[in-house]
N, C-alpha and C. Protein backbone atom coordinates (compact mmCIF):
# COMPACT_ATOMS: atom_id res chain seq x y z
N PRO A 1 0.84 -1.29 -0.06
CA PRO A 1 -0.03 -0.43 -0.06
C PRO A 1 1.22 1.17 0.36
N GLN A 2 0.20 2.53 -0.41
CA GLN A 2 0.89 3.41 -0.78
C GLN A 2 0.91 4.13 0.71
N ALA A 3 2.11 5.56 1.14
CA ALA A 3 1.86 5.37 2.40
C ALA A 3 1.43 6.92 2.47
N LEU A 4 0.24 6.98 3.38
CA LEU A 4 -0.08 8.52 3.27
C LEU A 4 0.09 8.90 5.01
N ALA A 5 -0.58 10.69 4.74
CA ALA A 5 0.58 11.39 6.10
C ALA A 5 -0.49 10.78 7.05
N PRO A 6 0.65 10.50 8.43
CA PRO A 6 0.56 10.17 9.75
C PRO A 6 -1.01 10.96 10.49
N ILE A 7 -2.01 10.06 11.41
CA ILE A 7 -2.46 10.37 11.99
C ILE A 7 -2.46 12.05 12.28
N VAL A 8 -3.57 12.97 12.35
CA VAL A 8 -2.83 13.90 13.11
C VAL A 8 -3.81 13.83 14.08
N GLU A 9 -3.36 14.22 15.66
CA GLU A 9 -3.79 13.55 16.84
C GLU A 9 -4.74 13.82 17.08
N SER A 10 -5.18 15.51 16.98
CA SER A 10 -6.09 16.17 17.29
C SER A 10 -7.49 15.70 16.77
N GLN A 11 -7.77 15.41 15.73
CA GLN A 11 -8.70 14.29 14.23
C GLN A 11 -9.39 13.75 15.88
N THR A 12 -10.84 14.21 15.93
CA THR A 12 -11.51 13.09 16.23
C THR A 12 -12.04 11.49 15.33
N THR A 13 -12.43 11.52 14.22
CA THR A 13 -12.64 10.33 13.68
C THR A 13 -11.56 10.52 12.28
N LEU A 14 -11.43 9.10 11.47
CA LEU A 14 -10.94 9.30 10.74
C LEU A 14 -11.94 8.19 9.66
N PRO A 15 -11.89 8.52 8.11
CA PRO A 15 -12.82 7.31 7.82
C PRO A 15 -11.79 6.41 7.41
N ALA A 16 -12.48 5.32 6.77
CA ALA A 16 -11.37 3.64 6.82
C ALA A 16 -10.94 4.00 5.73
N PRO A 17 -9.40 3.91 5.35
CA PRO A 17 -8.62 4.36 4.57
C PRO A 17 -8.81 3.05 3.36
N ALA A 18 -8.60 3.72 1.89
CA ALA A 18 -8.55 2.83 0.55
C ALA A 18 -6.86 1.90 0.93
N VAL A 19 -6.20 2.19 1.68
CA VAL A 19 -5.02 1.47 1.61
C VAL A 19 -4.25 1.80 2.82
N ALA A 20 -3.80 0.56 3.88
CA ALA A 20 -3.86 1.67 5.17
C ALA A 20 -2.89 2.76 5.56
N PRO A 21 -2.96 3.15 6.78
CA PRO A 21 -2.27 5.03 6.35
C PRO A 21 -0.52 3.75 7.17
N ARG A 22 0.40 4.35 6.92
CA ARG A 22 2.06 4.54 7.45
C ARG A 22 2.26 5.53 8.80
N ILE A 23 2.67 4.82 9.56
CA ILE A 23 3.29 5.60 10.87
C ILE A 23 4.75 6.17 10.63
N ALA A 24 4.33 7.49 10.62
CA ALA A 24 5.53 8.09 10.52
C ALA A 24 6.40 7.53 11.87
N LEU A 25 7.76 7.39 11.41
CA LEU A 25 8.84 7.46 12.67
C LEU A 25 9.95 8.11 12.45
N PRO A 26 10.91 8.18 13.67
CA PRO A 26 10.07 7.54 15.83
C PRO A 26 8.67 9.33 15.81
N GLY A 27 8.39 9.14 16.82
CA GLY A 27 6.96 10.03 16.95
C GLY A 27 7.48 10.59 18.38
N GLY A 28 6.36 11.32 19.18
CA GLY A 28 6.01 11.64 19.98
C GLY A 28 5.54 10.15 21.30
N PRO A 29 5.15 10.43 22.56
CA PRO A 29 4.30 9.46 23.11
C PRO A 29 3.30 9.27 22.92
N LEU A 30 2.45 8.16 22.84
CA LEU A 30 0.70 8.08 22.51
C LEU A 30 0.50 7.72 23.60
N THR A 31 -0.36 9.05 24.63
CA THR A 31 -1.11 8.65 26.21
C THR A 31 -2.08 9.75 25.65
N GLY A 32 -3.04 9.00 26.23
CA GLY A 32 -4.57 9.18 26.51
C GLY A 32 -5.68 8.18 27.32
N THR A 33 -6.76 8.44 27.32
CA THR A 33 -7.57 7.68 27.77
C THR A 33 -7.71 6.25 26.65
N LEU A 34 -8.76 5.07 26.49
CA LEU A 34 -8.43 4.03 25.57
C LEU A 34 -9.81 5.13 24.75
N SER A 35 -11.03 5.46 25.70
CA SER A 35 -11.62 6.12 24.48
C SER A 35 -11.28 6.78 24.06
N ASP A 36 -10.26 8.01 24.21
CA ASP A 36 -10.03 8.94 23.49
C ASP A 36 -8.93 8.58 21.94
N LEU A 37 -8.27 7.52 22.63
CA LEU A 37 -7.55 7.20 21.43
C LEU A 37 -8.52 6.45 20.77
N ALA A 38 -9.28 5.38 20.75
CA ALA A 38 -9.56 4.96 19.84
C ALA A 38 -10.77 5.89 18.83
N GLN A 39 -11.14 7.24 19.34
CA GLN A 39 -11.94 7.56 18.70
C GLN A 39 -10.85 8.11 17.60
N GLN A 40 -10.00 8.68 18.21
CA GLN A 40 -8.98 9.76 17.58
C GLN A 40 -8.45 8.61 16.51
N HIS A 41 -8.64 7.66 16.80
CA HIS A 41 -8.03 6.75 15.35
C HIS A 41 -9.12 6.29 14.27
N GLY A 42 -10.68 6.21 15.09
CA GLY A 42 -11.47 6.03 14.49
C GLY A 42 -11.99 4.50 14.79
N ALA A 43 -11.42 3.82 15.63
CA ALA A 43 -11.53 2.68 16.47
C ALA A 43 -13.06 2.61 17.00
N ASP A 44 -14.23 1.83 17.84
CA ASP A 44 -14.84 1.46 18.72
C ASP A 44 -13.99 1.09 19.89
N PRO A 45 -13.75 1.85 21.11
CA PRO A 45 -13.62 1.92 21.86
C PRO A 45 -13.82 0.79 23.09
N HIS A 46 -15.65 0.24 22.54
CA HIS A 46 -15.75 -0.45 23.31
C HIS A 46 -15.08 -1.68 22.96
N LEU A 47 -14.74 -1.84 21.47
CA LEU A 47 -14.20 -3.00 20.85
C LEU A 47 -12.98 -3.08 21.10
N VAL A 48 -12.19 -1.87 21.47
CA VAL A 48 -10.13 -1.63 21.41
C VAL A 48 -10.49 -2.26 22.70
N ALA A 49 -11.47 -2.23 24.02
CA ALA A 49 -11.45 -2.50 25.51
C ALA A 49 -11.66 -4.46 25.27
N ALA A 50 -12.29 -4.27 24.73
CA ALA A 50 -12.55 -6.21 24.41
C ALA A 50 -11.72 -6.66 24.31
N ILE A 51 -10.98 -6.36 22.86
CA ILE A 51 -9.85 -6.84 22.39
C ILE A 51 -8.34 -7.08 23.22
N LEU A 52 -8.11 -5.73 23.77
CA LEU A 52 -6.92 -5.55 24.79
C LEU A 52 -7.33 -6.42 25.41
N GLY A 53 -8.12 -7.03 26.64
CA GLY A 53 -9.11 -7.65 27.24
C GLY A 53 -8.34 -8.87 27.29
N ASN A 54 -8.62 -9.14 26.00
CA ASN A 54 -8.61 -10.59 25.24
C ASN A 54 -7.25 -10.96 25.40
N GLU A 55 -6.03 -9.95 24.79
CA GLU A 55 -4.92 -10.11 24.53
C GLU A 55 -4.12 -10.52 26.35
N GLY A 56 -4.11 -9.27 27.35
CA GLY A 56 -3.93 -9.03 28.18
C GLY A 56 -2.38 -8.91 28.47
N SER A 57 -1.63 -8.72 27.56
CA SER A 57 -0.23 -8.61 27.72
C SER A 57 -0.06 -7.47 28.40
N GLY A 58 0.88 -7.11 28.01
CA GLY A 58 1.97 -5.40 28.86
C GLY A 58 2.29 -5.42 27.56
N ASP A 59 3.56 -4.30 27.09
CA ASP A 59 3.65 -3.31 26.59
C ASP A 59 5.33 -4.23 25.89
N GLN A 60 5.93 -4.89 26.56
CA GLN A 60 7.26 -5.78 26.20
C GLN A 60 6.56 -7.23 26.04
N ALA A 61 5.43 -7.78 25.93
CA ALA A 61 5.22 -9.16 25.73
C ALA A 61 5.15 -9.69 24.37
N VAL A 62 5.50 -10.91 24.82
CA VAL A 62 6.18 -11.11 22.96
C VAL A 62 5.24 -13.22 23.26
N SER A 63 4.80 -12.65 22.28
CA SER A 63 3.94 -14.58 22.17
C SER A 63 4.53 -15.53 21.74
N PRO A 64 4.29 -16.43 22.44
CA PRO A 64 5.20 -17.90 21.17
C PRO A 64 5.57 -17.96 19.94
N ARG A 65 4.41 -17.71 19.09
CA ARG A 65 3.68 -17.20 17.76
C ARG A 65 4.71 -15.53 16.99
N GLY A 66 5.27 -15.00 18.32
CA GLY A 66 5.83 -14.11 17.87
C GLY A 66 5.22 -12.74 17.59
N ALA A 67 3.79 -12.61 18.25
CA ALA A 67 2.70 -11.38 18.36
C ALA A 67 4.17 -10.15 19.37
N VAL A 68 3.86 -9.54 19.69
CA VAL A 68 4.55 -8.18 20.23
C VAL A 68 3.52 -7.07 21.01
N GLY A 69 3.52 -6.90 21.96
CA GLY A 69 2.90 -5.46 22.97
C GLY A 69 1.41 -6.00 23.31
N ARG A 70 1.66 -4.83 23.22
CA ARG A 70 -0.24 -5.06 23.95
C ARG A 70 -0.86 -5.50 23.34
N PHE A 71 -0.99 -4.90 21.98
CA PHE A 71 -1.65 -5.31 21.09
C PHE A 71 -1.35 -7.17 20.45
N GLN A 72 -0.53 -7.29 21.09
CA GLN A 72 0.00 -8.77 20.31
C GLN A 72 0.01 -8.49 18.79
N ILE A 73 0.51 -8.05 18.40
CA ILE A 73 1.03 -7.92 16.74
C ILE A 73 1.68 -8.83 16.26
N LEU A 74 1.64 -9.18 15.41
CA LEU A 74 2.59 -9.99 13.92
C LEU A 74 3.28 -8.67 13.39
N PRO A 75 4.89 -9.43 13.18
CA PRO A 75 5.59 -8.81 12.50
C PRO A 75 4.39 -8.37 10.85
N GLY A 76 4.58 -9.65 10.14
CA GLY A 76 3.51 -9.41 9.30
C GLY A 76 2.40 -9.01 9.05
N THR A 77 1.40 -8.39 9.96
CA THR A 77 0.34 -7.73 10.04
C THR A 77 0.28 -6.47 10.44
N ALA A 78 1.52 -6.05 10.90
CA ALA A 78 2.25 -5.19 10.95
C ALA A 78 2.38 -4.13 10.08
N ARG A 79 3.14 -4.69 8.86
CA ARG A 79 4.17 -4.56 7.85
C ARG A 79 3.54 -3.21 6.92
N PRO A 80 1.82 -3.48 6.85
CA PRO A 80 1.50 -2.11 5.79
C PRO A 80 1.42 -0.86 6.86
N TYR A 81 1.68 -1.54 7.99
CA TYR A 81 1.18 0.28 8.79
C TYR A 81 2.39 0.84 9.09
N LEU A 82 3.92 0.72 8.80
CA LEU A 82 5.04 0.89 9.21
C LEU A 82 5.76 1.08 7.80
N PRO A 83 7.11 1.95 7.97
CA PRO A 83 7.12 2.82 6.73
C PRO A 83 7.98 1.43 5.67
N GLU A 84 8.18 1.45 4.77
CA GLU A 84 8.72 0.43 3.56
C GLU A 84 10.05 0.42 3.51
N GLY A 85 10.17 -1.28 3.87
CA GLY A 85 11.16 -2.12 3.74
C GLY A 85 12.09 -2.04 4.92
N LEU A 86 11.11 -2.35 5.69
CA LEU A 86 11.77 -3.24 7.54
C LEU A 86 11.52 -4.60 7.34
N SER A 87 12.65 -4.54 7.70
CA SER A 87 13.12 -6.00 8.28
C SER A 87 12.04 -6.46 8.74
N ASP A 88 11.55 -7.59 9.13
CA ASP A 88 10.76 -8.12 10.52
C ASP A 88 11.72 -8.34 11.63
N GLU A 89 12.72 -8.29 12.01
CA GLU A 89 13.34 -8.26 12.90
C GLU A 89 13.42 -6.25 13.66
N GLN A 90 13.19 -5.25 11.90
CA GLN A 90 13.04 -4.21 12.10
C GLN A 90 11.50 -4.20 12.62
N ILE A 91 10.40 -4.64 12.31
CA ILE A 91 9.08 -4.33 12.98
C ILE A 91 9.02 -4.32 14.64
N THR A 92 9.48 -5.84 14.48
CA THR A 92 9.27 -6.49 16.01
C THR A 92 10.02 -4.91 16.94
N ALA A 93 11.10 -4.61 16.26
CA ALA A 93 11.15 -3.44 17.22
C ALA A 93 10.88 -2.63 17.80
N GLN A 94 10.13 -2.38 16.36
CA GLN A 94 8.78 -1.00 16.18
C GLN A 94 8.20 -0.83 17.20
N LEU A 95 7.47 -2.76 16.78
CA LEU A 95 6.16 -2.97 17.63
C LEU A 95 6.61 -2.98 19.46
N ARG A 96 7.82 -2.84 20.02
CA ARG A 96 7.87 -3.38 20.90
C ARG A 96 8.25 -1.55 21.67
N ASN A 97 8.04 -0.33 20.36
CA ASN A 97 7.53 0.74 21.31
C ASN A 97 6.25 0.89 21.76
N PRO A 98 5.75 1.46 23.07
CA PRO A 98 4.35 1.56 23.10
C PRO A 98 3.47 2.12 22.17
N ARG A 99 4.16 2.81 21.65
CA ARG A 99 3.37 4.27 21.44
C ARG A 99 2.78 3.58 19.33
N ILE A 100 3.70 2.95 19.57
CA ILE A 100 3.92 2.50 17.82
C ILE A 100 2.93 1.35 17.89
N ASN A 101 3.37 0.39 18.55
CA ASN A 101 2.23 -0.60 19.17
C ASN A 101 0.66 0.05 19.40
N ALA A 102 0.65 -0.03 20.09
CA ALA A 102 -0.79 1.23 20.16
C ALA A 102 -1.42 2.08 18.56
N GLU A 103 -0.03 2.73 17.84
CA GLU A 103 -1.43 3.18 16.78
C GLU A 103 -1.25 2.10 15.95
N VAL A 104 -0.56 1.72 15.98
CA VAL A 104 -1.21 0.38 14.60
C VAL A 104 -2.31 -0.99 15.13
N GLY A 105 -2.20 -1.56 16.40
CA GLY A 105 -3.39 -2.08 17.14
C GLY A 105 -4.27 -1.11 16.31
N LEU A 106 -4.77 0.20 16.85
CA LEU A 106 -6.02 0.94 16.71
C LEU A 106 -6.13 1.11 15.34
N ARG A 107 -4.85 1.06 14.37
CA ARG A 107 -5.15 1.38 12.86
C ARG A 107 -5.77 -0.49 12.45
N LEU A 108 -5.23 -0.94 12.70
CA LEU A 108 -5.60 -2.55 12.58
C LEU A 108 -7.21 -2.42 13.29
N ILE A 109 -7.57 -2.70 13.94
CA ILE A 109 -8.84 -2.50 14.83
C ILE A 109 -9.57 -1.61 13.94
N ARG A 110 -9.59 -0.39 13.61
CA ARG A 110 -10.49 0.80 12.50
C ARG A 110 -10.84 -0.47 11.35
N ASP A 111 -9.64 -0.82 11.08
CA ASP A 111 -9.96 -1.33 9.82
C ASP A 111 -10.48 -2.76 9.31
N ILE A 112 -10.52 -2.90 9.97
CA ILE A 112 -10.95 -5.02 10.80
C ILE A 112 -12.77 -4.51 9.98
N GLN A 113 -12.62 -3.44 11.74
CA GLN A 113 -14.19 -2.95 11.99
C GLN A 113 -14.86 -2.42 10.83
N ALA A 114 -14.36 -1.87 10.25
CA ALA A 114 -14.67 -1.18 9.04
C ALA A 114 -15.54 -2.21 7.77
N LYS A 115 -15.08 -3.55 7.88
CA LYS A 115 -14.96 -4.29 6.69
C LYS A 115 -16.03 -5.34 7.57
N TYR A 116 -16.77 -4.85 8.71
CA TYR A 116 -17.69 -5.81 9.64
C TYR A 116 -17.84 -4.66 11.06
N PRO A 117 -18.32 -3.54 9.81
CA PRO A 117 -19.52 -2.26 11.02
C PRO A 117 -20.52 -2.86 12.02
N ASP A 118 -20.72 -4.06 11.33
CA ASP A 118 -21.62 -4.86 12.45
C ASP A 118 -22.08 -5.67 13.06
N ARG A 119 -20.84 -6.21 12.97
CA ARG A 119 -19.92 -7.65 13.71
C ARG A 119 -19.07 -7.70 14.35
N PRO A 120 -19.21 -7.18 15.51
CA PRO A 120 -17.63 -6.99 16.05
C PRO A 120 -17.75 -8.68 16.37
N ASP A 121 -18.36 -9.85 16.24
CA ASP A 121 -17.69 -10.81 16.58
C ASP A 121 -16.78 -11.39 15.95
N LEU A 122 -16.75 -10.93 13.97
CA LEU A 122 -16.57 -10.96 12.95
C LEU A 122 -15.24 -10.55 13.06
N ALA A 123 -15.06 -9.35 13.65
CA ALA A 123 -13.96 -8.33 13.97
C ALA A 123 -12.98 -8.80 14.34
N MET A 124 -13.82 -9.82 15.63
CA MET A 124 -12.58 -10.10 16.77
C MET A 124 -11.94 -11.82 16.14
N ALA A 125 -11.98 -12.38 15.45
CA ALA A 125 -11.88 -13.26 15.37
C ALA A 125 -10.92 -12.90 13.72
N GLU A 126 -11.36 -11.75 13.40
CA GLU A 126 -10.10 -12.00 12.11
C GLU A 126 -9.33 -10.70 12.73
N TYR A 127 -9.11 -10.21 14.09
CA TYR A 127 -7.89 -9.62 15.22
C TYR A 127 -7.36 -10.75 15.39
N PHE A 128 -7.91 -11.75 16.04
CA PHE A 128 -7.68 -13.48 16.33
C PHE A 128 -6.71 -13.87 15.65
N GLY A 129 -7.28 -13.96 14.48
CA GLY A 129 -6.69 -15.45 13.55
C GLY A 129 -6.23 -14.36 11.81
N GLY A 130 -6.24 -13.70 11.81
CA GLY A 130 -5.58 -12.99 10.45
C GLY A 130 -6.56 -12.70 9.56
N PRO A 131 -6.35 -12.40 8.69
CA PRO A 131 -7.00 -12.33 7.44
C PRO A 131 -7.44 -13.99 6.81
N GLY A 132 -8.57 -14.36 6.41
CA GLY A 132 -9.11 -15.86 6.07
C GLY A 132 -9.34 -16.19 7.79
N ALA A 133 -9.63 -15.31 8.81
CA ALA A 133 -10.61 -16.48 9.57
C ALA A 133 -11.99 -16.09 9.74
N VAL A 134 -12.04 -14.74 8.78
CA VAL A 134 -13.92 -14.61 8.68
C VAL A 134 -13.90 -15.20 6.83
N GLN A 135 -14.54 -15.83 6.92
CA GLN A 135 -15.56 -16.43 5.20
C GLN A 135 -16.36 -16.49 4.80
N ASN A 136 -16.80 -15.96 4.17
CA ASN A 136 -18.67 -15.61 3.73
C ASN A 136 -19.11 -15.41 4.68
N GLY A 137 -19.14 -14.14 5.39
CA GLY A 137 -19.28 -14.82 6.73
C GLY A 137 -19.44 -14.88 7.80
N ALA A 138 -18.28 -15.86 7.84
CA ALA A 138 -18.93 -17.01 9.54
C ALA A 138 -17.37 -16.97 9.65
N ILE A 139 -17.21 -17.04 10.56
CA ILE A 139 -15.97 -17.10 11.77
C ILE A 139 -15.36 -19.05 10.91
N ALA A 140 -14.11 -19.06 10.35
CA ALA A 140 -13.79 -20.14 9.56
C ALA A 140 -12.85 -20.80 10.25
N ARG A 141 -13.16 -22.24 10.65
CA ARG A 141 -12.71 -22.80 11.40
C ARG A 141 -11.95 -22.57 12.95
N PRO A 142 -13.84 -22.36 13.15
CA PRO A 142 -13.61 -22.30 15.22
C PRO A 142 -13.20 -23.02 15.86
N GLN A 143 -12.52 -23.51 15.55
CA GLN A 143 -11.87 -24.70 16.40
C GLN A 143 -10.11 -24.53 16.56
N VAL A 144 -10.01 -23.83 15.14
CA VAL A 144 -8.35 -23.42 15.51
C VAL A 144 -7.77 -22.58 16.35
N SER A 145 -6.85 -22.90 17.33
CA SER A 145 -6.72 -22.96 18.75
C SER A 145 -4.91 -21.90 17.97
N ASP A 146 -4.41 -20.90 19.10
CA ASP A 146 -3.46 -20.59 18.71
C ASP A 146 -2.45 -21.19 19.88
N GLY A 147 -2.99 -22.32 20.74
CA GLY A 147 -2.30 -23.25 22.09
C GLY A 147 -2.88 -22.89 23.43
N ASN A 148 -3.56 -21.41 23.34
CA ASN A 148 -4.22 -21.21 24.31
C ASN A 148 -5.81 -20.79 24.20
N LEU A 149 -6.25 -20.08 23.37
CA LEU A 149 -7.66 -20.44 23.04
C LEU A 149 -8.04 -21.36 21.79
N THR A 150 -9.49 -21.11 21.47
CA THR A 150 -9.58 -21.73 19.93
C THR A 150 -9.97 -20.49 19.68
N ARG A 151 -10.23 -19.96 17.85
CA ARG A 151 -10.84 -18.77 18.02
C ARG A 151 -12.38 -18.44 17.83
N GLN A 152 -12.67 -19.67 18.59
CA GLN A 152 -14.72 -19.25 18.82
C GLN A 152 -14.03 -18.52 20.49
N GLN A 153 -13.54 -19.31 20.72
CA GLN A 153 -13.19 -19.54 22.33
C GLN A 153 -12.92 -17.62 22.82
N TYR A 154 -11.95 -16.81 22.09
CA TYR A 154 -11.67 -16.07 22.13
C TYR A 154 -12.80 -15.17 21.54
N VAL A 155 -13.61 -15.10 20.37
CA VAL A 155 -14.47 -14.33 20.48
C VAL A 155 -15.92 -14.02 21.64
N ASP A 156 -16.07 -15.66 21.60
CA ASP A 156 -16.73 -15.76 22.91
C ASP A 156 -16.34 -14.76 24.67
N ARG A 157 -15.55 -14.80 24.95
CA ARG A 157 -14.74 -13.68 25.70
C ARG A 157 -14.79 -12.62 25.51
N GLY A 158 -14.27 -12.22 24.40
CA GLY A 158 -14.18 -10.72 23.44
C GLY A 158 -16.19 -9.76 23.41
N MET A 159 -16.45 -11.32 23.15
CA MET A 159 -17.84 -10.27 23.37
C MET A 159 -18.35 -10.20 24.57
N ALA A 160 -18.09 -10.78 25.17
CA ALA A 160 -18.63 -10.93 26.66
C ALA A 160 -18.44 -9.52 27.51
N ARG A 161 -16.51 -9.01 27.31
CA ARG A 161 -15.66 -8.08 27.65
C ARG A 161 -16.24 -6.80 26.46
N LEU A 162 -16.83 -6.83 25.18
CA LEU A 162 -18.16 -6.17 24.63
C LEU A 162 -18.86 -5.60 25.37
N GLN A 163 -20.15 -6.75 25.87
CA GLN A 163 -21.28 -6.13 26.45
C GLN A 163 -20.55 -5.80 27.56
N SER A 164 -20.05 -6.24 28.17
CA SER A 164 -19.86 -5.59 29.92
C SER A 164 -19.29 -4.48 29.22
N SER A 165 -18.65 -4.08 28.72
CA SER A 165 -18.27 -3.00 28.42
C SER A 165 -19.73 -1.33 28.09
N GLN A 166 -20.04 -2.36 26.78
CA GLN A 166 -21.25 -1.41 26.68
C GLN A 166 -22.20 -0.76 27.62
N GLN A 167 -22.45 -2.52 28.91
CA GLN A 167 -23.44 -1.93 29.55
C GLN A 167 -23.03 -0.99 31.08
N ARG A 168 -21.29 -1.41 31.93
CA ARG A 168 -21.27 -0.42 32.04
C ARG A 168 -20.72 0.65 32.08
N PHE A 169 -20.67 1.15 30.84
CA PHE A 169 -20.37 2.60 30.33
C PHE A 169 -21.32 3.16 29.62
N ALA A 170 -22.71 2.64 29.76
CA ALA A 170 -23.82 3.11 28.48
C ALA A 170 -24.13 4.25 29.39
N GLY A 171 -24.90 5.93 28.81
CA GLY A 171 -25.08 6.39 29.23
C GLY A 171 -25.27 7.53 29.11
N PRO A 172 -25.30 9.26 29.41
CA PRO A 172 -25.06 10.63 28.37
C PRO A 172 -23.22 10.47 29.16
N GLY A 173 -22.59 10.52 28.26
CA GLY A 173 -21.54 11.55 28.00
C GLY A 173 -20.72 9.95 28.63
N ALA A 174 -21.24 8.44 28.90
CA ALA A 174 -19.79 7.74 28.58
C ALA A 174 -19.96 7.32 27.57
N ILE A 175 -18.67 7.15 27.24
CA ILE A 175 -18.82 5.81 25.50
C ILE A 175 -17.61 4.94 25.50
N ALA A 176 -16.83 5.25 26.63
CA ALA A 176 -15.89 4.28 26.82
C ALA A 176 -15.39 4.17 28.27
N PRO A 177 -14.66 2.13 28.60
CA PRO A 177 -13.97 2.62 29.83
C PRO A 177 -12.08 3.61 29.68
N PRO A 178 -12.45 4.04 30.91
CA PRO A 178 -11.50 5.38 31.21
C PRO A 178 -10.21 4.50 31.37
N ALA A 179 -9.87 3.68 30.89
CA ALA A 179 -8.06 2.92 30.50
C ALA A 179 -6.95 4.18 30.52
N GLU A 180 -6.26 3.99 31.25
CA GLU A 180 -4.82 4.73 30.45
C GLU A 180 -4.03 4.23 29.93
N ILE A 181 -3.55 4.47 28.66
CA ILE A 181 -2.77 4.05 27.80
C ILE A 181 -1.46 5.17 28.07
N THR A 182 -0.02 4.69 27.91
CA THR A 182 0.84 5.37 28.32
C THR A 182 2.00 5.06 27.26
């Protein structure tokens, strides 16, 4: 995909791009509430909270499969969002930066959400399983496991978290959990 201008952090929403915007490196810190950051990147704050709850990883976590950081992103998944020409090792190093990990994760969630705007279950399945995890409007191979959870278990847990977030933070002016990302 062709590189686009980086997100301006003062924007509140972004339309889903035809190609993934690339993140300019290096950059300043990305801080704020989960709700603010999700909105700035055009992602549903409740969906982001549910996915992060499922991932349950710290900023420096690396899974046995090589997924990195709080958003547990594989280098191949991050590639379209980062400058061209980086090796997998360089991408992994970039994903260890919490700001970059969050920007890639939030943009990825936004892009997946745009594919399945009314189906957070399918968005979660694709986030967990990558491209091909959703086929013909259904979770493909729901029993495929990452060694910890099956796709279906990940989606079921995520949907419970999503519904809990929506119920807990429903009401005037309350749009998502106030968790901090720093």
